[in-house]
């Protein structure tokens, strides 16, 4: 199911791209935590039985994306 979830696949690519970014250690650690949170929350949300439960995790994932944009 996740292989057909385009946003999830893109989030994995984004995480891989973040691995190669040079930043001070404290910023790199935060970026990697936030960028790994995106696919993890998308995956968890996709397994929830109700739209409301899914949306909770998708919003968390979106918040992690915004955190990465601020780095």
N, C-alpha and C. Protein backbone atom coordinates (compact mmCIF):
# COMPACT_ATOMS: atom_id res chain seq x y z
N UNK A 1 0.81 -1.19 0.00
CA UNK A 1 0.00 0.00 0.00
C UNK A 1 0.86 1.26 0.00
N UNK A 2 1.95 1.27 0.77
CA UNK A 2 2.79 2.47 0.83
C UNK A 2 3.53 2.72 -0.48
N UNK A 3 3.76 1.67 -1.26
CA UNK A 3 4.45 1.89 -2.53
C UNK A 3 3.58 2.68 -3.52
N UNK A 4 2.27 2.67 -3.32
CA UNK A 4 1.36 3.44 -4.16
C UNK A 4 1.04 4.82 -3.57
N UNK A 5 1.57 5.11 -2.40
CA UNK A 5 1.31 6.36 -1.70
C UNK A 5 2.41 7.35 -2.12
N UNK A 6 2.09 8.16 -3.14
CA UNK A 6 3.10 9.04 -3.75
C UNK A 6 3.74 10.00 -2.75
N UNK A 7 2.94 10.56 -1.87
CA UNK A 7 3.49 11.50 -0.89
C UNK A 7 4.48 10.81 0.03
N UNK A 8 4.18 9.59 0.41
CA UNK A 8 5.11 8.82 1.24
C UNK A 8 6.42 8.59 0.49
N UNK A 9 6.34 8.19 -0.77
CA UNK A 9 7.55 7.95 -1.56
C UNK A 9 8.38 9.23 -1.69
N UNK A 10 7.72 10.35 -1.92
CA UNK A 10 8.43 11.63 -2.01
C UNK A 10 9.08 12.00 -0.68
N UNK A 11 8.41 11.67 0.41
CA UNK A 11 8.98 11.99 1.72
C UNK A 11 10.24 11.17 2.00
N UNK A 12 10.29 9.95 1.50
CA UNK A 12 11.51 9.15 1.63
C UNK A 12 12.66 9.76 0.83
N UNK A 13 12.34 10.24 -0.36
CA UNK A 13 13.36 10.92 -1.18
C UNK A 13 13.85 12.19 -0.49
N UNK A 14 12.91 12.91 0.11
CA UNK A 14 13.28 14.13 0.83
C UNK A 14 14.21 13.81 1.99
N UNK A 15 13.91 12.77 2.75
CA UNK A 15 14.77 12.37 3.86
C UNK A 15 16.18 12.03 3.34
N UNK A 16 16.25 11.29 2.26
CA UNK A 16 17.55 10.93 1.69
C UNK A 16 18.33 12.18 1.28
N UNK A 17 17.64 13.15 0.72
CA UNK A 17 18.29 14.41 0.33
C UNK A 17 18.81 15.16 1.55
N UNK A 18 18.07 15.11 2.63
CA UNK A 18 18.48 15.81 3.85
C UNK A 18 19.75 15.20 4.45
N UNK A 19 19.95 13.91 4.23
CA UNK A 19 21.16 13.26 4.75
C UNK A 19 22.43 13.90 4.20
N UNK A 20 22.36 14.41 2.98
CA UNK A 20 23.55 14.97 2.34
C UNK A 20 23.78 16.45 2.59
N UNK A 21 22.90 17.10 3.32
CA UNK A 21 23.03 18.54 3.57
C UNK A 21 24.04 18.78 4.67
N UNK A 22 24.93 19.71 4.42
CA UNK A 22 25.95 20.08 5.42
C UNK A 22 25.40 21.22 6.28
N UNK A 23 25.32 20.96 7.57
CA UNK A 23 24.84 21.94 8.54
C UNK A 23 25.61 21.73 9.85
N UNK A 24 25.60 22.73 10.72
CA UNK A 24 26.13 22.48 12.07
C UNK A 24 25.39 21.30 12.70
N UNK A 25 26.09 20.59 13.56
CA UNK A 25 25.55 19.34 14.11
C UNK A 25 24.16 19.51 14.71
N UNK A 26 23.95 20.55 15.51
CA UNK A 26 22.65 20.70 16.18
C UNK A 26 21.52 20.92 15.17
N UNK A 27 21.80 21.62 14.09
CA UNK A 27 20.78 21.82 13.06
C UNK A 27 20.57 20.57 12.22
N UNK A 28 21.64 19.87 11.92
CA UNK A 28 21.54 18.63 11.15
C UNK A 28 20.73 17.59 11.90
N UNK A 29 20.99 17.46 13.20
CA UNK A 29 20.23 16.50 14.01
C UNK A 29 18.74 16.83 13.99
N UNK A 30 18.42 18.11 14.15
CA UNK A 30 17.02 18.51 14.15
C UNK A 30 16.38 18.28 12.78
N UNK A 31 17.11 18.60 11.70
CA UNK A 31 16.60 18.40 10.35
C UNK A 31 16.33 16.91 10.09
N UNK A 32 17.24 16.06 10.52
CA UNK A 32 17.05 14.62 10.29
C UNK A 32 15.89 14.06 11.11
N UNK A 33 15.73 14.55 12.33
CA UNK A 33 14.58 14.10 13.12
C UNK A 33 13.27 14.53 12.47
N UNK A 34 13.21 15.78 12.04
CA UNK A 34 11.98 16.29 11.43
C UNK A 34 11.72 15.61 10.08
N UNK A 35 12.76 15.44 9.27
CA UNK A 35 12.55 14.84 7.95
C UNK A 35 12.22 13.35 8.05
N UNK A 36 12.69 12.67 9.07
CA UNK A 36 12.31 11.26 9.24
C UNK A 36 10.89 11.14 9.81
N UNK A 37 10.46 12.17 10.52
CA UNK A 37 9.10 12.18 11.07
C UNK A 37 8.05 12.24 9.97
N UNK A 38 8.38 12.83 8.85
CA UNK A 38 7.40 12.97 7.76
C UNK A 38 6.93 11.61 7.25
N UNK A 39 7.82 10.74 6.74
CA UNK A 39 7.33 9.45 6.25
C UNK A 39 6.79 8.55 7.37
N UNK A 40 7.36 8.66 8.58
CA UNK A 40 6.87 7.83 9.67
C UNK A 40 5.42 8.16 10.01
N UNK A 41 5.09 9.45 10.06
CA UNK A 41 3.71 9.83 10.36
C UNK A 41 2.77 9.56 9.20
N UNK A 42 3.26 9.70 7.97
CA UNK A 42 2.42 9.35 6.82
C UNK A 42 2.09 7.85 6.85
N UNK A 43 3.09 7.03 7.15
CA UNK A 43 2.86 5.58 7.21
C UNK A 43 1.89 5.23 8.33
N UNK A 44 2.10 5.82 9.50
CA UNK A 44 1.20 5.51 10.60
C UNK A 44 -0.21 5.98 10.32
N UNK A 45 -0.33 7.17 9.76
CA UNK A 45 -1.65 7.69 9.43
C UNK A 45 -2.38 6.85 8.41
N UNK A 46 -1.64 6.32 7.45
CA UNK A 46 -2.29 5.52 6.40
C UNK A 46 -2.87 4.23 6.95
N UNK A 47 -2.42 3.81 8.12
CA UNK A 47 -2.92 2.57 8.72
C UNK A 47 -4.11 2.79 9.65
N UNK A 48 -4.48 4.04 9.88
CA UNK A 48 -5.59 4.33 10.79
C UNK A 48 -6.93 4.07 10.10
N UNK A 49 -7.91 3.62 10.88
CA UNK A 49 -9.18 3.21 10.28
C UNK A 49 -10.12 4.34 9.88
N UNK A 50 -9.99 5.50 10.50
CA UNK A 50 -10.93 6.58 10.18
C UNK A 50 -10.19 7.77 9.57
N UNK A 51 -10.90 8.54 8.78
CA UNK A 51 -10.31 9.74 8.16
C UNK A 51 -9.80 10.70 9.24
N UNK A 52 -10.55 10.83 10.32
CA UNK A 52 -10.14 11.74 11.39
C UNK A 52 -8.80 11.31 11.98
N UNK A 53 -8.65 10.02 12.25
CA UNK A 53 -7.37 9.51 12.76
C UNK A 53 -6.25 9.71 11.75
N UNK A 54 -6.53 9.43 10.49
CA UNK A 54 -5.53 9.62 9.44
C UNK A 54 -5.07 11.08 9.39
N UNK A 55 -6.03 11.98 9.38
CA UNK A 55 -5.71 13.40 9.25
C UNK A 55 -4.84 13.90 10.40
N UNK A 56 -5.03 13.36 11.58
CA UNK A 56 -4.19 13.75 12.72
C UNK A 56 -2.71 13.52 12.38
N UNK A 57 -2.40 12.35 11.87
CA UNK A 57 -1.02 12.02 11.55
C UNK A 57 -0.52 12.78 10.31
N UNK A 58 -1.40 13.01 9.36
CA UNK A 58 -1.01 13.78 8.18
C UNK A 58 -0.69 15.22 8.55
N UNK A 59 -1.43 15.78 9.49
CA UNK A 59 -1.14 17.14 9.95
C UNK A 59 0.18 17.20 10.71
N UNK A 60 0.47 16.18 11.49
CA UNK A 60 1.76 16.12 12.19
C UNK A 60 2.88 16.05 11.16
N UNK A 61 2.69 15.25 10.13
CA UNK A 61 3.68 15.14 9.07
C UNK A 61 3.90 16.49 8.37
N UNK A 62 2.82 17.19 8.12
CA UNK A 62 2.91 18.51 7.49
C UNK A 62 3.65 19.49 8.40
N UNK A 63 3.41 19.40 9.70
CA UNK A 63 4.14 20.24 10.65
C UNK A 63 5.64 19.96 10.61
N UNK A 64 6.00 18.69 10.47
CA UNK A 64 7.42 18.33 10.35
C UNK A 64 8.03 18.88 9.08
N UNK A 65 7.26 18.88 8.02
CA UNK A 65 7.75 19.48 6.77
C UNK A 65 8.03 20.96 6.97
N UNK A 66 7.12 21.66 7.62
CA UNK A 66 7.31 23.09 7.88
C UNK A 66 8.54 23.32 8.75
N UNK A 67 8.78 22.42 9.69
CA UNK A 67 9.97 22.52 10.54
C UNK A 67 11.23 22.40 9.68
N UNK A 68 11.21 21.51 8.72
CA UNK A 68 12.36 21.35 7.82
C UNK A 68 12.55 22.61 6.98
N UNK A 69 11.48 23.20 6.55
CA UNK A 69 11.58 24.42 5.74
C UNK A 69 12.20 25.56 6.53
N UNK A 70 12.05 25.55 7.83
CA UNK A 70 12.59 26.61 8.67
C UNK A 70 14.08 26.43 8.96
N UNK A 71 14.59 25.22 8.74
CA UNK A 71 16.00 24.93 9.06
C UNK A 71 16.95 25.61 8.10
